Amino acid sequence: MLVLYAVFIINMVHGNIVLQLCMIALFLIFFPWLITQGLRYQFLMTEINGIRFSFYASPLRAWWVMMGCPLLIVAAAITVFSFFTSSALSSGSYTAIFTMIGIGTLVLLLGVAIMQGVYAAQWFGMLVNNLQYGKLKFSGEFSMKKCIIIIVLSMLLFVPFIAIALYITIPAFFMLSQYAYAVGDNPEQLAMLMGPFYGKLIFSYLVYIVGAIICYIFAFVKLRNYFYSQLALEGDIRFSSTVTLGRVFWISITNFLLCSVTLFLAWPWAKVRFTRYLLENTYLHGDLSSLPLENHDQQPAKDPANLLARGLSFYPALF
């Protein structure tokens, strides 16, 4: 961390591109470790019935889960997409170009879905299987295939919204080009004719945004319910989540509208409202009081790097 800080100061003075690349490399190397240390501090500071939690993950495992594996999958998807694109452009046929670019785009989207599914499964596994309540360990097995399927389904759910947005905008763009050709160099007349075009463009953006929100909420709900169904604590304690797509969508939209009207002054209330709904639909199955609860003696580290990491705590969105 001291090396990263020194490179940052030198770069501020000299503005060297090599030092900037070094900073990016050091950030990519150390950021996952900072995240896990921040999580460790947050769990050590959390307790139920006087029993504290604990979390520790291997730095190499954390780097692979957060950086290495996602970057490798994305790089592979981009390589395949580039291959299809270059093959299409060298073919000289418009049909082949559109076909190959379409296939390459599908491969790229599939690569993104695989990356997100693998990332979610590995994140949950790293978090749960390194988490303790006192001296009792949490456990869970999370299927990459299941997570990838959920992500793919959420992306397929997004397709109709993209199709509607394109159905609105593409004819509008063709009409706009015809208007531009008809009026020639008269910008005032063109501006008058573009009035309906702006309305269609704004509406298509709204359709796209709503589709993106529904896509995200679908993945959130399905992954959260699956995550808690696989979660267990020593002593035959199980968990479950019963959040629903419709309710999460309603809370999210109304929270967003309320925050927009109040210039986000209502954000704390909206956050509490959403968190309360999640907690009210999270269940523990078993008798926690019957477990042989014993507190651990671990304490948070107080070195400068760990003190910095306390401000970088990052929880997966599903909690």
C-alpha atoms as a PDB file:
ATOM      1  CA  MET A   1       0.000   0.000   0.000  1.00  0.00           C
ATOM      2  CA  LEU A   2       2.900   2.349   0.731  1.00  0.00           C
ATOM      3  CA  VAL A   3       4.253   1.596  -2.757  1.00  0.00           C
ATOM      4  CA  LEU A   4       0.859   2.464  -4.281  1.00  0.00           C
ATOM      5  CA  TYR A   5       0.740   5.725  -2.318  1.00  0.00           C
ATOM      6  CA  ALA A   6       4.326   6.629  -3.351  1.00  0.00           C
ATOM      7  CA  VAL A   7       3.576   5.943  -7.026  1.00  0.00           C
ATOM      8  CA  PHE A   8       0.430   8.088  -6.760  1.00  0.00           C
ATOM      9  CA  ILE A   9       2.390  11.054  -5.318  1.00  0.00           C
ATOM     10  CA  ILE A  10       5.156  10.786  -7.949  1.00  0.00           C
ATOM     11  CA  ASN A  11       2.565  10.565 -10.716  1.00  0.00           C
ATOM     12  CA  MET A  12       0.804  13.669  -9.388  1.00  0.00           C
ATOM     13  CA  VAL A  13       4.086  15.554  -9.702  1.00  0.00           C
ATOM     14  CA  HIS A  14       5.325  14.249 -13.055  1.00  0.00           C
ATOM     15  CA  GLY A  15       2.203  12.948 -14.855  1.00  0.00           C
ATOM     16  CA  ASN A  16       4.093  10.002 -16.356  1.00  0.00           C
ATOM     17  CA  ILE A  17       2.077   7.519 -18.428  1.00  0.00           C
ATOM     18  CA  VAL A  18       4.252   4.614 -17.233  1.00  0.00           C
ATOM     19  CA  LEU A  19       3.495   5.508 -13.623  1.00  0.00           C
ATOM     20  CA  GLN A  20      -0.213   5.694 -14.443  1.00  0.00           C
ATOM     21  CA  LEU A  21      -0.069   2.160 -15.869  1.00  0.00           C
ATOM     22  CA  CYS A  22       1.795   1.044 -12.746  1.00  0.00           C
ATOM     23  CA  MET A  23      -0.946   2.562 -10.600  1.00  0.00           C
ATOM     24  CA  ILE A  24      -3.628   0.711 -12.547  1.00  0.00           C
ATOM     25  CA  ALA A  25      -1.702  -2.565 -12.224  1.00  0.00           C
ATOM     26  CA  LEU A  26      -1.190  -2.100  -8.481  1.00  0.00           C
ATOM     27  CA  PHE A  27      -4.852  -1.206  -8.071  1.00  0.00           C
ATOM     28  CA  LEU A  28      -5.937  -4.371  -9.897  1.00  0.00           C
ATOM     29  CA  ILE A  29      -3.618  -6.423  -7.691  1.00  0.00           C
ATOM     30  CA  PHE A  30      -4.507  -4.951  -4.291  1.00  0.00           C
ATOM     31  CA  PHE A  31      -8.163  -3.935  -4.664  1.00  0.00           C
ATOM     32  CA  PRO A  32      -9.643  -7.423  -4.023  1.00  0.00           C
ATOM     33  CA  TRP A  33      -7.523  -7.733  -0.874  1.00  0.00           C
ATOM     34  CA  LEU A  34      -8.807  -4.360   0.340  1.00  0.00           C
ATOM     35  CA  ILE A  35     -12.393  -5.474  -0.287  1.00  0.00           C
ATOM     36  CA  THR A  36     -11.961  -8.694   1.714  1.00  0.00           C
ATOM     37  CA  GLN A  37     -10.271  -6.824   4.559  1.00  0.00           C
ATOM     38  CA  GLY A  38     -13.143  -4.341   4.617  1.00  0.00           C
ATOM     39  CA  LEU A  39     -15.644  -7.200   4.736  1.00  0.00           C
ATOM     40  CA  ARG A  40     -13.666  -8.836   7.527  1.00  0.00           C
ATOM     41  CA  TYR A  41     -13.832  -5.655   9.605  1.00  0.00           C
ATOM     42  CA  GLN A  42     -17.580  -5.249   9.038  1.00  0.00           C
ATOM     43  CA  PHE A  43     -18.302  -8.836  10.068  1.00  0.00           C
ATOM     44  CA  LEU A  44     -16.056  -8.614  13.138  1.00  0.00           C
ATOM     45  CA  MET A  45     -18.010  -5.535  14.200  1.00  0.00           C
ATOM     46  CA  THR A  46     -21.382  -7.315  13.740  1.00  0.00           C
ATOM     47  CA  GLU A  47     -22.904  -9.470  16.473  1.00  0.00           C
ATOM     48  CA  ILE A  48     -26.158 -11.232  17.347  1.00  0.00           C
ATOM     49  CA  ASN A  49     -26.935 -12.163  20.957  1.00  0.00           C
ATOM     50  CA  GLY A  50     -23.390 -11.215  21.940  1.00  0.00           C
ATOM     51  CA  ILE A  51     -21.810 -13.572  19.382  1.00  0.00           C
ATOM     52  CA  ARG A  52     -19.687 -11.900  16.702  1.00  0.00           C
ATOM     53  CA  PHE A  53     -19.247 -12.879  13.076  1.00  0.00           C
ATOM     54  CA  SER A  54     -15.914 -13.420  11.354  1.00  0.00           C
ATOM     55  CA  PHE A  55     -14.711 -13.590   7.769  1.00  0.00           C
ATOM     56  CA  TYR A  56     -11.383 -14.398   6.160  1.00  0.00           C
ATOM     57  CA  ALA A  57     -10.657 -15.185   2.510  1.00  0.00           C
ATOM     58  CA  SER A  58      -7.364 -16.033   0.850  1.00  0.00           C
ATOM     59  CA  PRO A  59      -5.953 -13.004  -1.042  1.00  0.00           C
ATOM     60  CA  LEU A  60      -5.213 -15.158  -4.109  1.00  0.00           C
ATOM     61  CA  ARG A  61      -8.728 -16.594  -4.072  1.00  0.00           C
ATOM     62  CA  ALA A  62     -10.210 -13.112  -3.721  1.00  0.00           C
ATOM     63  CA  TRP A  63      -8.140 -11.805  -6.647  1.00  0.00           C
ATOM     64  CA  TRP A  64      -9.163 -14.734  -8.863  1.00  0.00           C
ATOM     65  CA  VAL A  65     -12.866 -14.326  -8.020  1.00  0.00           C
ATOM     66  CA  MET A  66     -13.018 -10.518  -8.392  1.00  0.00           C
ATOM     67  CA  MET A  67     -10.479  -9.860 -11.139  1.00  0.00           C
ATOM     68  CA  GLY A  68      -8.754 -12.847 -12.717  1.00  0.00           C
ATOM     69  CA  CYS A  69     -11.667 -15.047 -13.765  1.00  0.00           C
ATOM     70  CA  PRO A  70     -13.996 -12.215 -14.981  1.00  0.00           C
ATOM     71  CA  LEU A  71     -11.198 -10.598 -17.009  1.00  0.00           C
ATOM     72  CA  LEU A  72     -10.250 -13.962 -18.541  1.00  0.00           C
ATOM     73  CA  ILE A  73     -13.837 -14.719 -19.623  1.00  0.00           C
ATOM     74  CA  VAL A  74     -14.387 -11.216 -21.023  1.00  0.00           C
ATOM     75  CA  ALA A  75     -11.074 -11.387 -22.907  1.00  0.00           C
ATOM     76  CA  ALA A  76     -12.065 -14.744 -24.427  1.00  0.00           C
ATOM     77  CA  ALA A  77     -15.494 -13.383 -25.467  1.00  0.00           C
ATOM     78  CA  ILE A  78     -13.916 -10.277 -27.033  1.00  0.00           C
ATOM     79  CA  THR A  79     -11.379 -12.440 -28.890  1.00  0.00           C
ATOM     80  CA  VAL A  80     -14.143 -14.596 -30.378  1.00  0.00           C
ATOM     81  CA  PHE A  81     -16.183 -11.488 -31.259  1.00  0.00           C
ATOM     82  CA  SER A  82     -13.138  -9.941 -32.963  1.00  0.00           C
ATOM     83  CA  PHE A  83     -12.604 -13.134 -34.950  1.00  0.00           C
ATOM     84  CA  PHE A  84     -16.182 -13.131 -36.247  1.00  0.00           C
ATOM     85  CA  THR A  85     -16.011  -9.395 -37.006  1.00  0.00           C
ATOM     86  CA  SER A  86     -12.733  -9.620 -38.931  1.00  0.00           C
ATOM     87  CA  SER A  87     -13.985 -12.676 -40.854  1.00  0.00           C
ATOM     88  CA  ALA A  88     -17.164 -10.812 -41.752  1.00  0.00           C
ATOM     89  CA  LEU A  89     -15.350  -7.701 -42.973  1.00  0.00           C
ATOM     90  CA  SER A  90     -12.966  -9.745 -45.104  1.00  0.00           C
ATOM     91  CA  SER A  91     -15.768 -11.730 -46.753  1.00  0.00           C
ATOM     92  CA  GLY A  92     -16.939  -8.847 -48.963  1.00  0.00           C
ATOM     93  CA  SER A  93     -20.584  -9.972 -48.803  1.00  0.00           C
ATOM     94  CA  TYR A  94     -23.152  -7.842 -46.985  1.00  0.00           C
ATOM     95  CA  THR A  95     -25.126 -10.947 -45.997  1.00  0.00           C
ATOM     96  CA  ALA A  96     -22.033 -12.595 -44.572  1.00  0.00           C
ATOM     97  CA  ILE A  97     -21.058  -9.375 -42.773  1.00  0.00           C
ATOM     98  CA  PHE A  98     -24.407  -9.024 -41.014  1.00  0.00           C
ATOM     99  CA  THR A  99     -24.569 -12.761 -40.250  1.00  0.00           C
ATOM    100  CA  MET A 100     -21.059 -12.979 -38.800  1.00  0.00           C
ATOM    101  CA  ILE A 101     -21.392  -9.752 -36.808  1.00  0.00           C
ATOM    102  CA  GLY A 102     -24.747 -11.002 -35.454  1.00  0.00           C
ATOM    103  CA  ILE A 103     -23.197 -14.314 -34.398  1.00  0.00           C
ATOM    104  CA  GLY A 104     -20.232 -12.496 -32.869  1.00  0.00           C
ATOM    105  CA  THR A 105     -22.548 -10.210 -30.913  1.00  0.00           C
ATOM    106  CA  LEU A 106     -24.483 -13.193 -29.565  1.00  0.00           C
ATOM    107  CA  VAL A 107     -21.197 -14.834 -28.542  1.00  0.00           C
ATOM    108  CA  LEU A 108     -20.134 -11.623 -26.799  1.00  0.00           C
ATOM    109  CA  LEU A 109     -23.447 -11.370 -24.920  1.00  0.00           C
ATOM    110  CA  LEU A 110     -23.225 -15.038 -23.958  1.00  0.00           C
ATOM    111  CA  GLY A 111     -19.690 -14.405 -22.703  1.00  0.00           C
ATOM    112  CA  VAL A 112     -20.944 -11.535 -20.560  1.00  0.00           C
ATOM    113  CA  ALA A 113     -23.724 -13.758 -19.159  1.00  0.00           C
ATOM    114  CA  ILE A 114     -21.230 -16.538 -18.392  1.00  0.00           C
ATOM    115  CA  MET A 115     -18.903 -14.045 -16.719  1.00  0.00           C
ATOM    116  CA  GLN A 116     -21.680 -12.665 -14.518  1.00  0.00           C
ATOM    117  CA  GLY A 117     -22.980 -16.130 -13.611  1.00  0.00           C
ATOM    118  CA  VAL A 118     -19.528 -17.482 -12.780  1.00  0.00           C
ATOM    119  CA  TYR A 119     -18.726 -14.307 -10.856  1.00  0.00           C
ATOM    120  CA  ALA A 120     -21.921 -14.575  -8.786  1.00  0.00           C
ATOM    121  CA  ALA A 121     -21.405 -18.272  -7.971  1.00  0.00           C
ATOM    122  CA  GLN A 122     -17.763 -17.768  -7.012  1.00  0.00           C
ATOM    123  CA  TRP A 123     -18.512 -14.633  -4.975  1.00  0.00           C
ATOM    124  CA  PHE A 124     -21.231 -16.406  -2.983  1.00  0.00           C
ATOM    125  CA  GLY A 125     -18.993 -19.439  -2.465  1.00  0.00           C
ATOM    126  CA  MET A 126     -16.037 -17.359  -1.291  1.00  0.00           C
ATOM    127  CA  LEU A 127     -18.198 -15.277   1.037  1.00  0.00           C
ATOM    128  CA  VAL A 128     -20.280 -18.033   2.618  1.00  0.00           C
ATOM    129  CA  ASN A 129     -17.618 -20.707   2.983  1.00  0.00           C
ATOM    130  CA  ASN A 130     -15.261 -18.287   4.742  1.00  0.00           C
ATOM    131  CA  LEU A 131     -17.894 -16.863   7.091  1.00  0.00           C
ATOM    132  CA  GLN A 132     -18.362 -17.802  10.754  1.00  0.00           C
ATOM    133  CA  TYR A 133     -20.862 -17.033  13.493  1.00  0.00           C
ATOM    134  CA  GLY A 134     -18.779 -17.313  16.620  1.00  0.00           C
ATOM    135  CA  LYS A 135     -16.945 -20.582  15.978  1.00  0.00           C
ATOM    136  CA  LEU A 136     -19.735 -22.062  13.860  1.00  0.00           C
ATOM    137  CA  LYS A 137     -19.095 -22.097  10.113  1.00  0.00           C
ATOM    138  CA  PHE A 138     -21.469 -21.224   7.308  1.00  0.00           C
ATOM    139  CA  SER A 139     -21.502 -23.377   4.184  1.00  0.00           C
ATOM    140  CA  GLY A 140     -23.099 -23.457   0.777  1.00  0.00           C
ATOM    141  CA  GLU A 141     -22.656 -24.958  -2.675  1.00  0.00           C
ATOM    142  CA  PHE A 142     -23.565 -22.647  -5.533  1.00  0.00           C
ATOM    143  CA  SER A 143     -23.946 -23.961  -9.056  1.00  0.00           C
ATOM    144  CA  MET A 144     -22.310 -21.876 -11.789  1.00  0.00           C
ATOM    145  CA  LYS A 145     -24.735 -23.440 -14.271  1.00  0.00           C
ATOM    146  CA  LYS A 146     -27.747 -22.287 -12.224  1.00  0.00           C
ATOM    147  CA  CYS A 147     -26.375 -18.743 -11.902  1.00  0.00           C
ATOM    148  CA  ILE A 148     -25.559 -18.553 -15.623  1.00  0.00           C
ATOM    149  CA  ILE A 149     -29.087 -19.739 -16.518  1.00  0.00           C
ATOM    150  CA  ILE A 150     -30.588 -17.016 -14.312  1.00  0.00           C
ATOM    151  CA  ILE A 151     -28.419 -14.344 -15.957  1.00  0.00           C
ATOM    152  CA  VAL A 152     -29.244 -15.620 -19.461  1.00  0.00           C
ATOM    153  CA  LEU A 153     -32.983 -15.601 -18.674  1.00  0.00           C
ATOM    154  CA  SER A 154     -32.720 -12.036 -17.383  1.00  0.00           C
ATOM    155  CA  MET A 155     -30.973 -10.998 -20.614  1.00  0.00           C
ATOM    156  CA  LEU A 156     -33.652 -12.760 -22.695  1.00  0.00           C
ATOM    157  CA  LEU A 157     -36.256 -10.844 -20.696  1.00  0.00           C
ATOM    158  CA  PHE A 158     -34.531  -7.669 -21.871  1.00  0.00           C
ATOM    159  CA  VAL A 159     -34.855  -8.584 -25.582  1.00  0.00           C
ATOM    160  CA  PRO A 160     -38.535  -7.511 -26.054  1.00  0.00           C
ATOM    161  CA  PHE A 161     -37.777  -4.076 -24.598  1.00  0.00           C
ATOM    162  CA  ILE A 162     -34.813  -3.625 -26.965  1.00  0.00           C
ATOM    163  CA  ALA A 163     -37.019  -4.722 -29.874  1.00  0.00           C
ATOM    164  CA  ILE A 164     -39.712  -2.179 -28.928  1.00  0.00           C
ATOM    165  CA  ALA A 165     -37.119   0.588 -28.585  1.00  0.00           C
ATOM    166  CA  LEU A 166     -35.656  -0.257 -32.014  1.00  0.00           C
ATOM    167  CA  TYR A 167     -39.142  -0.484 -33.525  1.00  0.00           C
ATOM    168  CA  ILE A 168     -39.756   3.083 -32.361  1.00  0.00           C
ATOM    169  CA  THR A 169     -36.396   4.652 -33.214  1.00  0.00           C
ATOM    170  CA  ILE A 170     -35.365   3.035 -36.527  1.00  0.00           C
ATOM    171  CA  PRO A 171     -38.394   4.280 -38.548  1.00  0.00           C
ATOM    172  CA  ALA A 172     -37.982   7.667 -36.863  1.00  0.00           C
ATOM    173  CA  PHE A 173     -34.354   7.884 -38.012  1.00  0.00           C
ATOM    174  CA  PHE A 174     -35.306   6.920 -41.568  1.00  0.00           C
ATOM    175  CA  MET A 175     -38.040   9.570 -41.565  1.00  0.00           C
ATOM    176  CA  LEU A 176     -35.588  12.131 -40.179  1.00  0.00           C
ATOM    177  CA  SER A 177     -33.111  11.395 -42.986  1.00  0.00           C
ATOM    178  CA  GLN A 178     -35.902  11.882 -45.542  1.00  0.00           C
ATOM    179  CA  TYR A 179     -36.858  15.186 -43.922  1.00  0.00           C
ATOM    180  CA  ALA A 180     -33.229  16.311 -44.004  1.00  0.00           C
ATOM    181  CA  TYR A 181     -33.011  15.480 -47.711  1.00  0.00           C
ATOM    182  CA  ALA A 182     -36.296  17.244 -48.463  1.00  0.00           C
ATOM    183  CA  VAL A 183     -35.589  20.540 -46.676  1.00  0.00           C
ATOM    184  CA  GLY A 184     -31.979  20.766 -47.793  1.00  0.00           C
ATOM    185  CA  ASP A 185     -30.007  23.463 -45.990  1.00  0.00           C
ATOM    186  CA  ASN A 186     -32.925  24.960 -44.061  1.00  0.00           C
ATOM    187  CA  PRO A 187     -32.142  24.245 -40.377  1.00  0.00           C
ATOM    188  CA  GLU A 188     -35.230  26.051 -39.025  1.00  0.00           C
ATOM    189  CA  GLN A 189     -37.636  23.939 -41.036  1.00  0.00           C
ATOM    190  CA  LEU A 190     -35.711  20.787 -40.135  1.00  0.00           C
ATOM    191  CA  ALA A 191     -35.910  21.716 -36.445  1.00  0.00           C
ATOM    192  CA  MET A 192     -39.693  22.082 -36.723  1.00  0.00           C
ATOM    193  CA  LEU A 193     -40.018  18.692 -38.398  1.00  0.00           C
ATOM    194  CA  MET A 194     -37.842  17.051 -35.719  1.00  0.00           C
ATOM    195  CA  GLY A 195     -40.327  17.797 -32.915  1.00  0.00           C
ATOM    196  CA  PRO A 196     -42.124  14.402 -32.994  1.00  0.00           C
ATOM    197  CA  PHE A 197     -38.755  12.666 -33.379  1.00  0.00           C
ATOM    198  CA  TYR A 198     -37.571  13.886 -29.962  1.00  0.00           C
ATOM    199  CA  GLY A 199     -40.700  12.526 -28.305  1.00  0.00           C
ATOM    200  CA  LYS A 200     -40.198   9.091 -29.870  1.00  0.00           C
ATOM    201  CA  LEU A 201     -36.527   9.101 -28.892  1.00  0.00           C
ATOM    202  CA  ILE A 202     -37.318   9.938 -25.265  1.00  0.00           C
ATOM    203  CA  PHE A 203     -40.041   7.272 -25.149  1.00  0.00           C
ATOM    204  CA  SER A 204     -37.665   4.648 -26.578  1.00  0.00           C
ATOM    205  CA  TYR A 205     -35.097   5.556 -23.904  1.00  0.00           C
ATOM    206  CA  LEU A 206     -37.756   5.136 -21.215  1.00  0.00           C
ATOM    207  CA  VAL A 207     -38.692   1.711 -22.616  1.00  0.00           C
ATOM    208  CA  TYR A 208     -35.018   0.730 -22.603  1.00  0.00           C
ATOM    209  CA  ILE A 209     -34.494   1.930 -19.018  1.00  0.00           C
ATOM    210  CA  VAL A 210     -37.606   0.123 -17.746  1.00  0.00           C
ATOM    211  CA  GLY A 211     -36.429  -3.046 -19.496  1.00  0.00           C
ATOM    212  CA  ALA A 212     -32.978  -2.730 -17.907  1.00  0.00           C
ATOM    213  CA  ILE A 213     -34.540  -2.284 -14.456  1.00  0.00           C
ATOM    214  CA  ILE A 214     -36.793  -5.339 -14.901  1.00  0.00           C
ATOM    215  CA  CYS A 215     -33.840  -7.361 -16.196  1.00  0.00           C
ATOM    216  CA  TYR A 216     -31.727  -6.434 -13.156  1.00  0.00           C
ATOM    217  CA  ILE A 217     -34.554  -7.022 -10.665  1.00  0.00           C
ATOM    218  CA  PHE A 218     -35.319 -10.449 -12.174  1.00  0.00           C
ATOM    219  CA  ALA A 219     -31.682 -11.505 -11.744  1.00  0.00           C
ATOM    220  CA  PHE A 220     -31.575 -10.000  -8.245  1.00  0.00           C
ATOM    221  CA  VAL A 221     -34.706 -11.823  -7.033  1.00  0.00           C
ATOM    222  CA  LYS A 222     -33.836 -15.200  -8.554  1.00  0.00           C
ATOM    223  CA  LEU A 223     -30.211 -15.131  -7.418  1.00  0.00           C
ATOM    224  CA  ARG A 224     -31.107 -13.995  -3.898  1.00  0.00           C
ATOM    225  CA  ASN A 225     -33.734 -16.704  -3.436  1.00  0.00           C
ATOM    226  CA  TYR A 226     -31.334 -19.322  -4.803  1.00  0.00           C
ATOM    227  CA  PHE A 227     -28.482 -18.051  -2.635  1.00  0.00           C
ATOM    228  CA  TYR A 228     -30.419 -18.301   0.618  1.00  0.00           C
ATOM    229  CA  SER A 229     -31.830 -21.722  -0.317  1.00  0.00           C
ATOM    230  CA  GLN A 230     -28.249 -23.042  -0.470  1.00  0.00           C
ATOM    231  CA  LEU A 231     -27.031 -21.312   2.702  1.00  0.00           C
ATOM    232  CA  ALA A 232     -26.537 -23.327   5.897  1.00  0.00           C
ATOM    233  CA  LEU A 233     -24.991 -22.929   9.338  1.00  0.00           C
ATOM    234  CA  GLU A 234     -23.452 -25.686  11.436  1.00  0.00           C
ATOM    235  CA  GLY A 235     -26.106 -27.282  13.608  1.00  0.00           C
ATOM    236  CA  ASP A 236     -28.692 -27.899  10.845  1.00  0.00           C
ATOM    237  CA  ILE A 237     -29.682 -24.246  10.483  1.00  0.00           C
ATOM    238  CA  ARG A 238     -31.087 -23.374   7.028  1.00  0.00           C
ATOM    239  CA  PHE A 239     -32.235 -20.146   5.433  1.00  0.00           C
ATOM    240  CA  SER A 240     -34.708 -19.034   2.788  1.00  0.00           C
ATOM    241  CA  SER A 241     -35.729 -15.895   0.921  1.00  0.00           C
ATOM    242  CA  THR A 242     -39.215 -15.141  -0.422  1.00  0.00           C
ATOM    243  CA  VAL A 243     -38.748 -11.803  -2.190  1.00  0.00           C
ATOM    244  CA  THR A 244     -40.862 -11.446  -5.342  1.00  0.00           C
ATOM    245  CA  LEU A 245     -40.273  -9.728  -8.670  1.00  0.00           C
ATOM    246  CA  GLY A 246     -43.427  -7.614  -8.551  1.00  0.00           C
ATOM    247  CA  ARG A 247     -42.889  -6.311  -5.024  1.00  0.00           C
ATOM    248  CA  VAL A 248     -39.202  -5.501  -5.576  1.00  0.00           C
ATOM    249  CA  PHE A 249     -40.087  -3.693  -8.815  1.00  0.00           C
ATOM    250  CA  TRP A 250     -42.799  -1.637  -7.071  1.00  0.00           C
ATOM    251  CA  ILE A 251     -40.531  -0.652  -4.188  1.00  0.00           C
ATOM    252  CA  SER A 252     -37.663   0.209  -6.539  1.00  0.00           C
ATOM    253  CA  ILE A 253     -39.792   2.387  -8.842  1.00  0.00           C
ATOM    254  CA  THR A 254     -41.580   4.221  -6.026  1.00  0.00           C
ATOM    255  CA  ASN A 255     -38.302   4.752  -4.169  1.00  0.00           C
ATOM    256  CA  PHE A 256     -36.712   6.171  -7.317  1.00  0.00           C
ATOM    257  CA  LEU A 257     -39.652   8.511  -7.979  1.00  0.00           C
ATOM    258  CA  LEU A 258     -39.663   9.707  -4.368  1.00  0.00           C
ATOM    259  CA  CYS A 259     -35.906  10.308  -4.401  1.00  0.00           C
ATOM    260  CA  SER A 260     -36.188  12.205  -7.698  1.00  0.00           C
ATOM    261  CA  VAL A 261     -38.938  14.469  -6.350  1.00  0.00           C
ATOM    262  CA  THR A 262     -37.008  15.181  -3.120  1.00  0.00           C
ATOM    263  CA  LEU A 263     -33.621  15.595  -4.871  1.00  0.00           C
ATOM    264  CA  PHE A 264     -32.519  12.372  -3.120  1.00  0.00           C
ATOM    265  CA  LEU A 265     -33.137  13.773   0.356  1.00  0.00           C
ATOM    266  CA  ALA A 266     -35.406  10.743   0.863  1.00  0.00           C
ATOM    267  CA  TRP A 267     -32.610   8.295  -0.044  1.00  0.00           C
ATOM    268  CA  PRO A 268     -31.986   7.135   3.589  1.00  0.00           C
ATOM    269  CA  TRP A 269     -35.708   6.434   4.061  1.00  0.00           C
ATOM    270  CA  ALA A 270     -35.862   4.607   0.704  1.00  0.00           C
ATOM    271  CA  LYS A 271     -32.828   2.513   1.618  1.00  0.00           C
ATOM    272  CA  VAL A 272     -34.351   1.545   4.972  1.00  0.00           C
ATOM    273  CA  ARG A 273     -37.669   0.726   3.292  1.00  0.00           C
ATOM    274  CA  PHE A 274     -36.017  -1.630   0.807  1.00  0.00           C
ATOM    275  CA  THR A 275     -33.809  -3.233   3.476  1.00  0.00           C
ATOM    276  CA  ARG A 276     -36.837  -3.806   5.725  1.00  0.00           C
ATOM    277  CA  TYR A 277     -38.623  -5.625   2.896  1.00  0.00           C
ATOM    278  CA  LEU A 278     -35.578  -7.876   2.341  1.00  0.00           C
ATOM    279  CA  LEU A 279     -35.308  -8.692   6.040  1.00  0.00           C
ATOM    280  CA  GLU A 280     -39.046  -9.374   6.376  1.00  0.00           C
ATOM    281  CA  ASN A 281     -38.701 -11.948   3.589  1.00  0.00           C
ATOM    282  CA  THR A 282     -35.562 -13.649   4.891  1.00  0.00           C
ATOM    283  CA  TYR A 283     -36.173 -16.651   7.164  1.00  0.00           C
ATOM    284  CA  LEU A 284     -34.054 -18.808   9.458  1.00  0.00           C
ATOM    285  CA  HIS A 285     -35.166 -22.437   9.862  1.00  0.00           C
ATOM    286  CA  GLY A 286     -33.979 -24.124  13.040  1.00  0.00           C
ATOM    287  CA  ASP A 287     -33.387 -23.362  16.700  1.00  0.00           C
ATOM    288  CA  LEU A 288     -30.485 -20.945  16.943  1.00  0.00           C
ATOM    289  CA  SER A 289     -30.611 -20.936  20.753  1.00  0.00           C
ATOM    290  CA  SER A 290     -29.920 -24.690  20.868  1.00  0.00           C
ATOM    291  CA  LEU A 291     -26.534 -24.328  19.174  1.00  0.00           C
ATOM    292  CA  PRO A 292     -23.309 -24.492  21.224  1.00  0.00           C
ATOM    293  CA  LEU A 293     -22.531 -20.808  20.695  1.00  0.00           C
ATOM    294  CA  GLU A 294     -19.029 -19.685  21.592  1.00  0.00           C
ATOM    295  CA  ASN A 295     -17.453 -16.354  20.708  1.00  0.00           C
ATOM    296  CA  HIS A 296     -14.141 -16.165  18.875  1.00  0.00           C
ATOM    297  CA  ASP A 297     -11.222 -14.023  19.996  1.00  0.00           C
ATOM    298  CA  GLN A 298     -10.372 -12.436  16.637  1.00  0.00           C
ATOM    299  CA  GLN A 299      -9.843  -8.675  16.526  1.00  0.00           C
ATOM    300  CA  PRO A 300      -9.678  -6.291  13.540  1.00  0.00           C
ATOM    301  CA  ALA A 301      -6.187  -5.328  12.421  1.00  0.00           C
ATOM    302  CA  LYS A 302      -5.154  -1.731  13.002  1.00  0.00           C
ATOM    303  CA  ASP A 303      -2.325  -1.277  10.485  1.00  0.00           C
ATOM    304  CA  PRO A 304      -2.687   1.607   7.945  1.00  0.00           C
ATOM    305  CA  ALA A 305      -3.731  -0.679   5.069  1.00  0.00           C
ATOM    306  CA  ASN A 306      -6.539  -2.282   7.087  1.00  0.00           C
ATOM    307  CA  LEU A 307      -7.684   1.095   8.383  1.00  0.00           C
ATOM    308  CA  LEU A 308      -7.966   2.233   4.753  1.00  0.00           C
ATOM    309  CA  ALA A 309      -9.819  -0.958   3.800  1.00  0.00           C
ATOM    310  CA  ARG A 310     -12.558  -0.251   6.362  1.00  0.00           C
ATOM    311  CA  GLY A 311     -13.927   2.396   4.016  1.00  0.00           C
ATOM    312  CA  LEU A 312     -14.009   0.024   1.020  1.00  0.00           C
ATOM    313  CA  SER A 313     -16.427  -2.574   2.340  1.00  0.00           C
ATOM    314  CA  PHE A 314     -18.423  -4.137  -0.454  1.00  0.00           C
ATOM    315  CA  TYR A 315     -21.341  -6.495   0.003  1.00  0.00           C
ATOM    316  CA  PRO A 316     -22.835  -8.401  -2.927  1.00  0.00           C
ATOM    317  CA  ALA A 317     -26.113  -6.755  -3.892  1.00  0.00           C
ATOM    318  CA  LEU A 318     -28.156  -9.805  -2.869  1.00  0.00           C
ATOM    319  CA  PHE A 319     -27.776  -9.218   0.845  1.00  0.00           C
END
